[in-house]
Amino acid sequence: MHVLILGSGGREHAYAWKLAQSPKISKLFIAPGNAGTSLVGENLPIQVNDFDAIKKAVLEHHIDMVVVGPEDPLVNGIVDYFLSNDDISEVPVIGPGREGAKLEGSKDFAKSFMARHGIPTARYRTFTKAQFTQALDFLNELEPPYVLKADGLAAGKGVLIPETFAHAEMELQAMLMNEKFGAASQKVVIEEFLKGIELSVFVATDGKDYIILPEAKDYKRIGEGDTGLNTGGMGAISPVPFADDAFMQKVKERIVEPTIKGLQHDGIEYRGFIFIGLMNVAGDPYVIEYNVRMGDPETEVVFPRIQSDLMDILQGIANKNIGQVKYHADERAAATVMLVSGGYPEAYEKGKIISVDGEIEDAVVFHAGTALNEDGQEVTNGGRVMAVTAYGSDYKDALKKCYKNAEKINFEGKYYRKDIGFDLDLL
């Protein structure tokens, strides 16, 4: 089979690394890819939202399946685009159509979906610019801290957690009245703050049956101790120690199954991955958000723990027979540590030469923001540059290997958090 992966980050390199191991695949393409993906497949200089160019590549390279990494093309309707084009309508695209992608593309849509189908989540209301006064009234009903979410996609930056009413009012004004996040914050969801510890659960579904993949916990803040600005993710571990069989049974019964049944009830065709951001509140799971694709950097610990052929899972999704797919997860723990550019998540420079002292041992390096310069050298090409992933008997053992190898990778301004998993020691 010929498979095309859309995207250019660490998640897409993890996809490519895992799919390259499948005997079912004869040719692997990544668009646009990065320096790492070029080691396991062929990069195509096509952007993920250029649907016409993607169609041309699918026909030219005889692509049998398209795997969508990031959320943007899904929210923008790439699945619908394929289905509406006779030339490519038979080529399966792994991901939901435009309607299903609203689970991530609209926080208000997702929250109303949860409310409609009895899925546990935080109390909320949605407001527009014209409802600013009512929004302040609702804030007054809640206890601080507050959660403000831009309704639309905001490049992972649209969620704010003000600690005081005055700060919440100021941020709400900036979001609704001054369009702090552009069109994404023309509507704002205000939620009560749930106190607990987060984790991510990943589901592969054909719209009827499903497989729950290994869960993970990621770390978003730039600073150690979860301080400073939010990022795309600084590291992750899997499995999550507190997500025992009893907790995961609650997740399955209260969240995963009602979500799949809810999609069916609402007539939403959904073939792809659902990433469920959860909060463990005193042993009970609550949904913080849905994403309609795999996470990053979570994929870098989830896929290494899947022992089955990932292509079998993708075909199960596409052919609507995922219930027949044999699935096994590795018992070992996996951890990943993200190496980022100096200045990230604010201003940073690109083009810094990447070098490695010695050999990478007992670890896999997934490229995120990398490219090849004119001399064929690997250089930085993004804020998050590389993810170092390792296995271990537990997450601490895995992290030791990650940190040992992270020290060997060098580029000007390199930074990484040395405390991934710090909060799990406090449980």
Protein backbone atom coordinates (compact mmCIF):
# COMPACT_ATOMS: atom_id res chain seq x y z
CA MET A 1 0.00 0.00 0.00
CA HIS A 2 0.97 3.62 -0.55
CA VAL A 3 0.15 5.84 2.44
CA LEU A 4 0.29 9.63 2.76
CA ILE A 5 0.64 11.26 6.20
CA LEU A 6 -0.27 14.94 6.48
CA GLY A 7 1.72 17.07 8.91
CA SER A 8 5.23 18.07 9.91
CA GLY A 9 5.63 17.55 13.65
CA GLY A 10 6.72 14.96 16.16
CA ARG A 11 3.32 13.28 15.96
CA GLU A 12 3.72 12.77 12.22
CA HIS A 13 7.26 11.42 12.63
CA ALA A 14 5.86 8.96 15.20
CA TYR A 15 3.19 7.94 12.68
CA ALA A 16 5.82 7.50 9.97
CA TRP A 17 8.18 5.58 12.30
CA LYS A 18 5.42 3.18 13.33
CA LEU A 19 3.91 2.73 9.85
CA ALA A 20 7.35 2.14 8.31
CA GLN A 21 7.45 -1.07 10.39
CA SER A 22 4.30 -2.43 8.70
CA PRO A 23 4.83 -5.12 6.05
CA LYS A 24 1.64 -3.88 4.41
CA ILE A 25 3.21 -0.59 3.33
CA SER A 26 5.40 -0.41 0.26
CA LYS A 27 5.67 3.38 -0.01
CA LEU A 28 5.27 6.08 2.63
CA PHE A 29 4.85 9.79 1.91
CA ILE A 30 4.72 12.68 4.36
CA ALA A 31 3.49 16.17 3.47
CA PRO A 32 5.27 18.39 4.23
CA GLY A 33 7.22 16.29 6.77
CA ASN A 34 10.52 17.21 8.44
CA ALA A 35 14.14 16.07 8.52
CA GLY A 36 13.19 13.01 10.59
CA THR A 37 10.32 11.82 8.43
CA SER A 38 12.65 11.90 5.40
CA LEU A 39 14.57 9.04 7.03
CA VAL A 40 11.57 6.68 6.88
CA GLY A 41 9.59 7.98 3.90
CA GLU A 42 9.47 10.56 1.12
CA ASN A 43 8.62 14.14 2.02
CA LEU A 44 6.36 16.08 -0.34
CA PRO A 45 6.48 19.91 -0.30
CA ILE A 46 2.72 20.30 0.21
CA GLN A 47 0.95 22.19 2.99
CA VAL A 48 -1.75 20.39 4.96
CA ASN A 49 -4.56 22.75 3.93
CA ASP A 50 -3.74 22.78 0.21
CA PHE A 51 -6.43 20.23 -0.68
CA ASP A 52 -6.01 20.56 -4.44
CA ALA A 53 -2.27 19.84 -4.20
CA ILE A 54 -2.99 16.91 -1.89
CA LYS A 55 -5.47 15.53 -4.43
CA LYS A 56 -2.88 15.86 -7.19
CA ALA A 57 -0.29 14.00 -5.05
CA VAL A 58 -2.78 11.23 -4.22
CA LEU A 59 -3.40 10.62 -7.91
CA GLU A 60 0.24 11.00 -8.96
CA HIS A 61 1.63 8.66 -6.29
CA HIS A 62 -1.28 6.19 -6.33
CA ILE A 63 -2.04 6.79 -2.64
CA ASP A 64 -4.27 4.16 -1.01
CA MET A 65 -4.86 5.96 2.31
CA VAL A 66 -4.41 9.44 3.76
CA VAL A 67 -3.66 9.82 7.48
CA VAL A 68 -4.33 13.30 8.85
CA GLY A 69 -2.04 14.37 11.69
CA PRO A 70 -3.12 17.91 12.71
CA GLU A 71 -6.61 19.23 13.38
CA ASP A 72 -6.72 22.12 10.87
CA PRO A 73 -7.36 20.08 7.68
CA LEU A 74 -10.06 18.08 9.48
CA VAL A 75 -11.87 21.18 10.76
CA ASN A 76 -11.50 22.69 7.28
CA GLY A 77 -13.22 19.66 5.73
CA ILE A 78 -10.58 17.55 4.00
CA VAL A 79 -12.68 14.39 4.47
CA ASP A 80 -15.68 16.09 2.84
CA TYR A 81 -13.40 17.35 0.04
CA PHE A 82 -12.29 13.78 -0.75
CA LEU A 83 -15.84 12.42 -0.64
CA SER A 84 -17.06 15.13 -3.02
CA ASN A 85 -14.34 14.46 -5.62
CA ASP A 86 -15.07 11.42 -7.79
CA ASP A 87 -11.37 10.94 -8.60
CA ILE A 88 -10.42 10.37 -4.96
CA SER A 89 -13.69 9.56 -3.17
CA GLU A 90 -12.68 5.92 -2.72
CA VAL A 91 -9.40 6.83 -0.97
CA PRO A 92 -10.00 6.59 2.79
CA VAL A 93 -8.98 9.57 4.90
CA ILE A 94 -8.34 8.77 8.57
CA GLY A 95 -10.23 11.42 10.49
CA PRO A 96 -13.76 12.76 10.88
CA GLY A 97 -15.67 14.89 8.40
CA ARG A 98 -16.32 18.58 9.01
CA GLU A 99 -19.30 17.90 11.31
CA GLY A 100 -17.43 15.46 13.54
CA ALA A 101 -14.40 17.76 13.60
CA LYS A 102 -16.53 20.37 15.37
CA LEU A 103 -15.82 18.39 18.54
CA GLU A 104 -12.45 20.15 18.42
CA GLY A 105 -13.23 23.07 16.14
CA SER A 106 -15.94 24.48 18.43
CA LYS A 107 -15.73 24.33 22.22
CA ASP A 108 -19.43 25.27 22.40
CA PHE A 109 -20.38 22.39 20.05
CA ALA A 110 -18.34 19.97 22.17
CA LYS A 111 -19.84 21.13 25.46
CA SER A 112 -23.40 20.95 24.13
CA PHE A 113 -22.63 17.45 22.77
CA MET A 114 -21.49 16.37 26.23
CA ALA A 115 -24.52 17.90 27.91
CA ARG A 116 -26.88 16.28 25.41
CA HIS A 117 -25.40 12.83 25.92
CA GLY A 118 -24.85 12.93 29.67
CA ILE A 119 -21.06 12.94 29.50
CA PRO A 120 -19.52 14.32 32.73
CA THR A 121 -17.88 17.71 32.24
CA ALA A 122 -17.56 21.06 34.02
CA ARG A 123 -20.53 23.41 34.34
CA TYR A 124 -20.41 25.99 31.54
CA ARG A 125 -22.12 28.64 29.43
CA THR A 126 -21.23 30.24 26.09
CA PHE A 127 -21.31 33.97 25.39
CA THR A 128 -20.92 36.36 22.46
CA LYS A 129 -19.83 40.01 22.38
CA ALA A 130 -23.45 41.12 22.79
CA GLN A 131 -23.73 39.04 25.97
CA PHE A 132 -20.77 40.52 27.82
CA THR A 133 -22.84 41.62 30.82
CA GLN A 134 -24.45 38.18 31.15
CA ALA A 135 -20.98 36.64 30.93
CA LEU A 136 -19.84 38.71 33.91
CA ASP A 137 -22.96 37.63 35.79
CA PHE A 138 -22.09 33.97 35.14
CA LEU A 139 -18.52 34.54 36.29
CA ASN A 140 -19.97 35.87 39.55
CA GLU A 141 -21.77 32.55 40.04
CA LEU A 142 -18.47 30.63 39.90
CA GLU A 143 -15.61 30.34 42.35
CA PRO A 144 -12.10 31.33 41.21
CA PRO A 145 -10.01 30.32 39.37
CA TYR A 146 -12.05 30.59 36.18
CA VAL A 147 -11.70 28.84 32.83
CA LEU A 148 -12.13 30.90 29.63
CA LYS A 149 -12.03 29.10 26.28
CA ALA A 150 -12.07 30.62 22.82
CA ASP A 151 -14.77 28.71 20.94
CA GLY A 152 -12.69 28.12 17.81
CA LEU A 153 -9.17 26.91 17.04
CA ALA A 154 -6.52 29.20 18.46
CA ALA A 155 -3.30 27.24 17.87
CA GLY A 156 -3.47 25.73 21.34
CA LYS A 157 -3.45 29.14 23.03
CA GLY A 158 -7.17 29.79 23.41
CA VAL A 159 -7.63 28.53 26.99
CA LEU A 160 -7.00 30.93 29.88
CA ILE A 161 -7.28 30.28 33.62
CA PRO A 162 -7.49 33.64 35.45
CA GLU A 163 -7.03 33.43 39.22
CA THR A 164 -9.19 36.46 40.12
CA PHE A 165 -12.49 37.96 38.98
CA ALA A 166 -10.73 41.18 37.91
CA HIS A 167 -8.27 39.26 35.75
CA ALA A 168 -11.10 37.14 34.30
CA GLU A 169 -13.07 40.26 33.41
CA MET A 170 -10.01 41.80 31.71
CA GLU A 171 -9.30 38.62 29.69
CA LEU A 172 -12.97 38.23 28.75
CA GLN A 173 -12.98 41.81 27.47
CA ALA A 174 -9.84 41.09 25.42
CA MET A 175 -11.31 37.89 23.97
CA LEU A 176 -14.85 39.00 23.18
CA MET A 177 -14.61 42.74 22.63
CA ASN A 178 -11.07 42.99 21.22
CA GLU A 179 -10.92 39.56 19.50
CA LYS A 180 -7.70 38.55 21.27
CA PHE A 181 -7.77 35.24 19.39
CA GLY A 182 -9.36 36.62 16.23
CA ALA A 183 -12.47 34.87 14.95
CA ALA A 184 -11.80 32.00 17.38
CA SER A 185 -12.93 34.15 20.31
CA GLN A 186 -16.05 35.66 18.78
CA LYS A 187 -17.71 33.19 21.16
CA VAL A 188 -16.22 32.30 24.54
CA VAL A 189 -17.03 29.33 26.74
CA ILE A 190 -16.82 30.03 30.48
CA GLU A 191 -16.41 26.94 32.67
CA GLU A 192 -16.12 26.17 36.32
CA PHE A 193 -12.62 25.10 37.31
CA LEU A 194 -12.23 21.39 38.03
CA LYS A 195 -9.64 20.56 40.68
CA GLY A 196 -7.79 17.34 39.96
CA ILE A 197 -5.04 15.84 37.81
CA GLU A 198 -5.16 15.60 34.01
CA LEU A 199 -4.61 12.74 31.61
CA SER A 200 -5.34 11.98 27.97
CA VAL A 201 -7.23 8.97 26.63
CA PHE A 202 -7.02 7.99 22.96
CA VAL A 203 -9.70 6.08 21.07
CA ALA A 204 -9.49 4.62 17.56
CA THR A 205 -13.01 4.21 16.17
CA ASP A 206 -14.80 3.23 12.98
CA GLY A 207 -17.90 5.05 14.22
CA LYS A 208 -19.41 1.96 15.81
CA ASP A 209 -16.69 -0.09 17.50
CA TYR A 210 -13.51 1.20 19.06
CA ILE A 211 -10.13 0.41 20.61
CA ILE A 212 -8.89 2.34 23.64
CA LEU A 213 -5.19 2.95 23.05
CA PRO A 214 -2.62 3.49 25.84
CA GLU A 215 -3.43 6.56 27.92
CA ALA A 216 -0.86 9.31 28.49
CA LYS A 217 -0.17 12.40 30.55
CA ASP A 218 1.52 15.40 29.03
CA TYR A 219 3.09 18.55 30.46
CA LYS A 220 2.19 21.83 28.80
CA ARG A 221 3.93 24.60 30.75
CA ILE A 222 7.37 25.80 29.67
CA GLY A 223 8.74 26.00 33.22
CA GLU A 224 9.51 23.29 35.72
CA GLY A 225 6.85 22.71 38.35
CA ASP A 226 4.28 23.55 35.65
CA THR A 227 5.06 27.26 35.68
CA GLY A 228 5.21 29.85 32.93
CA LEU A 229 3.52 29.98 29.55
CA ASN A 230 1.57 27.16 27.90
CA THR A 231 3.30 25.34 25.06
CA GLY A 232 2.35 22.62 22.60
CA GLY A 233 3.72 20.13 25.14
CA MET A 234 7.09 19.63 26.85
CA GLY A 235 6.92 15.90 27.51
CA ALA A 236 4.65 12.96 28.27
CA ILE A 237 4.50 9.60 30.02
CA SER A 238 2.47 6.42 29.49
CA PRO A 239 0.90 4.55 31.21
CA VAL A 240 -0.50 6.95 33.80
CA PRO A 241 0.01 5.48 37.29
CA PHE A 242 -3.36 6.56 38.73
CA ALA A 243 -5.32 5.34 35.67
CA ASP A 244 -5.84 1.85 37.10
CA ASP A 245 -8.37 -0.71 35.85
CA ALA A 246 -11.17 0.70 38.03
CA PHE A 247 -10.62 4.26 36.81
CA MET A 248 -10.35 3.21 33.16
CA GLN A 249 -13.58 1.22 33.51
CA LYS A 250 -15.29 4.48 34.55
CA VAL A 251 -13.75 6.21 31.54
CA LYS A 252 -15.05 3.49 29.24
CA GLU A 253 -18.58 3.39 30.67
CA ARG A 254 -19.14 7.09 31.39
CA ILE A 255 -17.21 8.75 28.57
CA VAL A 256 -15.97 6.59 25.70
CA GLU A 257 -19.15 4.59 25.06
CA PRO A 258 -21.53 7.58 25.47
CA THR A 259 -19.29 9.54 23.07
CA ILE A 260 -19.43 6.86 20.35
CA LYS A 261 -23.17 6.33 20.86
CA GLY A 262 -23.71 10.09 20.88
CA LEU A 263 -22.03 10.45 17.50
CA GLN A 264 -24.24 7.67 16.12
CA HIS A 265 -27.37 9.21 17.66
CA ASP A 266 -26.55 12.60 16.13
CA GLY A 267 -25.93 11.03 12.71
CA ILE A 268 -22.27 12.04 12.65
CA GLU A 269 -20.03 9.75 10.57
CA TYR A 270 -16.77 9.42 12.48
CA ARG A 271 -13.81 7.32 11.37
CA GLY A 272 -10.57 8.24 13.08
CA PHE A 273 -9.07 9.04 16.44
CA ILE A 274 -10.68 10.78 19.39
CA PHE A 275 -8.34 12.34 21.93
CA ILE A 276 -10.21 12.87 25.19
CA GLY A 277 -8.63 15.31 27.62
CA LEU A 278 -9.74 14.23 31.08
CA MET A 279 -9.57 15.49 34.65
CA ASN A 280 -9.42 12.93 37.44
CA VAL A 281 -11.51 14.57 40.16
CA ALA A 282 -11.28 12.47 43.33
CA GLY A 283 -11.29 9.26 41.30
CA ASP A 284 -14.00 10.27 38.81
CA PRO A 285 -13.26 11.24 35.19
CA TYR A 286 -14.57 14.49 33.68
CA VAL A 287 -14.03 15.62 30.09
CA ILE A 288 -12.06 18.85 29.69
CA GLU A 289 -12.01 18.74 25.89
CA TYR A 290 -12.19 16.60 22.79
CA ASN A 291 -9.59 16.61 20.04
CA VAL A 292 -10.26 14.86 16.75
CA ARG A 293 -6.75 13.52 16.12
CA MET A 294 -3.82 12.14 18.08
CA GLY A 295 -1.98 14.44 20.48
CA ASP A 296 1.55 15.78 20.35
CA PRO A 297 3.75 14.89 22.27
CA GLU A 298 1.46 12.09 23.53
CA THR A 299 1.67 10.18 20.24
CA GLU A 300 5.40 9.87 20.86
CA VAL A 301 4.68 7.66 23.90
CA VAL A 302 1.39 6.05 22.78
CA PHE A 303 2.53 4.65 19.41
CA PRO A 304 5.73 3.08 20.79
CA ARG A 305 3.53 1.16 23.26
CA ILE A 306 1.30 -0.27 20.51
CA GLN A 307 2.69 -3.72 19.68
CA SER A 308 0.13 -4.39 16.94
CA ASP A 309 0.61 -3.29 13.34
CA LEU A 310 -0.70 0.29 13.25
CA MET A 311 -1.79 -0.30 9.66
CA ASP A 312 -4.22 -2.98 10.89
CA ILE A 313 -5.82 -0.38 13.16
CA LEU A 314 -6.02 2.23 10.37
CA GLN A 315 -7.59 -0.30 8.00
CA GLY A 316 -10.04 -1.29 10.73
CA ILE A 317 -11.05 2.37 10.98
CA ALA A 318 -11.36 2.78 7.20
CA ASN A 319 -13.17 -0.52 6.56
CA LYS A 320 -15.48 -0.23 9.59
CA ASN A 321 -14.31 -3.51 11.11
CA ILE A 322 -12.06 -2.32 13.92
CA GLY A 323 -13.85 -4.73 16.25
CA GLN A 324 -12.04 -7.55 14.47
CA VAL A 325 -8.55 -6.04 14.81
CA LYS A 326 -6.15 -7.80 17.15
CA TYR A 327 -4.65 -5.17 19.45
CA HIS A 328 -1.86 -5.50 22.00
CA ALA A 329 -0.10 -2.88 24.12
CA ASP A 330 3.44 -3.10 25.45
CA GLU A 331 3.55 -3.55 29.23
CA ARG A 332 6.61 -1.32 29.47
CA ALA A 333 6.32 2.35 30.28
CA ALA A 334 7.33 5.03 27.75
CA ALA A 335 8.34 8.63 28.31
CA THR A 336 9.24 11.49 26.00
CA VAL A 337 11.07 14.75 26.64
CA MET A 338 10.76 17.66 24.20
CA LEU A 339 13.82 19.71 23.28
CA VAL A 340 12.79 23.26 22.36
CA SER A 341 14.34 26.39 20.89
CA GLY A 342 15.54 29.18 23.16
CA GLY A 343 12.76 31.73 23.65
CA TYR A 344 9.93 29.28 22.90
CA PRO A 345 6.91 29.58 23.23
CA GLU A 346 7.53 33.26 22.43
CA ALA A 347 10.01 34.53 19.84
CA TYR A 348 12.78 32.13 18.82
CA GLU A 349 15.28 31.76 15.99
CA LYS A 350 15.36 28.98 13.39
CA GLY A 351 18.21 27.49 11.41
CA LYS A 352 20.41 26.42 14.36
CA ILE A 353 22.61 23.44 13.43
CA ILE A 354 21.77 20.25 15.34
CA SER A 355 24.58 17.90 16.37
CA VAL A 356 24.76 14.70 18.40
CA ASP A 357 27.63 13.71 20.70
CA GLY A 358 28.07 9.96 20.31
CA GLU A 359 25.26 7.48 19.76
CA ILE A 360 21.63 7.68 20.84
CA GLU A 361 21.18 4.60 23.04
CA ASP A 362 17.98 2.93 24.28
CA ALA A 363 15.88 5.76 22.85
CA VAL A 364 14.12 6.98 19.71
CA VAL A 365 14.37 10.59 18.56
CA PHE A 366 11.26 11.98 16.90
CA HIS A 367 11.81 15.17 14.91
CA ALA A 368 9.26 17.95 15.41
CA GLY A 369 10.58 21.28 14.15
CA THR A 370 13.55 20.31 11.98
CA ALA A 371 14.65 20.75 8.39
CA LEU A 372 17.70 20.18 6.19
CA ASN A 373 19.71 23.25 5.16
CA GLU A 374 21.41 23.76 1.80
CA ASP A 375 24.40 21.72 2.98
CA GLY A 376 22.19 18.80 4.04
CA GLN A 377 22.67 19.52 7.76
CA GLU A 378 19.82 19.07 10.21
CA VAL A 379 18.73 22.46 11.59
CA THR A 380 16.01 23.75 13.90
CA ASN A 381 12.83 24.81 12.13
CA GLY A 382 10.32 25.32 14.94
CA GLY A 383 9.79 26.00 18.60
CA ARG A 384 9.58 22.34 19.56
CA VAL A 385 12.55 20.72 17.86
CA MET A 386 12.86 17.07 18.89
CA ALA A 387 11.23 14.56 21.22
CA VAL A 388 13.44 11.95 22.90
CA THR A 389 11.41 8.81 23.71
CA ALA A 390 12.49 5.78 25.72
CA TYR A 391 11.01 2.66 27.31
CA GLY A 392 11.45 1.69 30.95
CA SER A 393 10.16 -0.55 33.71
CA ASP A 394 8.22 2.54 34.89
CA TYR A 395 8.04 6.19 33.82
CA LYS A 396 10.99 7.16 36.05
CA ASP A 397 13.22 4.52 34.48
CA ALA A 398 12.13 5.63 31.00
CA LEU A 399 12.79 9.30 31.83
CA LYS A 400 16.35 8.55 32.98
CA LYS A 401 17.08 7.21 29.50
CA CYS A 402 15.37 10.21 27.88
CA TYR A 403 17.47 12.69 29.86
CA LYS A 404 20.71 10.78 29.25
CA ASN A 405 20.13 11.01 25.49
CA ALA A 406 18.78 14.57 25.59
CA GLU A 407 22.19 15.65 26.88
CA LYS A 408 23.83 14.28 23.72
CA ILE A 409 21.74 16.41 21.34
CA ASN A 410 22.99 19.95 20.87
CA PHE A 411 21.81 23.13 19.21
CA GLU A 412 22.13 26.76 20.21
CA GLY A 413 19.53 27.70 22.84
CA LYS A 414 18.44 24.11 23.57
CA TYR A 415 16.07 23.84 26.54
CA TYR A 416 14.06 21.02 28.06
CA ARG A 417 12.21 20.36 31.28
CA LYS A 418 13.98 18.07 33.71
CA ASP A 419 10.93 17.38 35.89
CA ILE A 420 8.48 15.53 33.63
CA GLY A 421 6.26 13.39 35.88
CA PHE A 422 7.04 15.57 38.94
CA ASP A 423 3.41 15.71 40.11
CA LEU A 424 2.97 11.94 40.05
CA ASP A 425 5.44 11.65 42.94
CA LEU A 426 3.01 13.70 45.05
CA LEU A 427 0.07 11.31 44.65
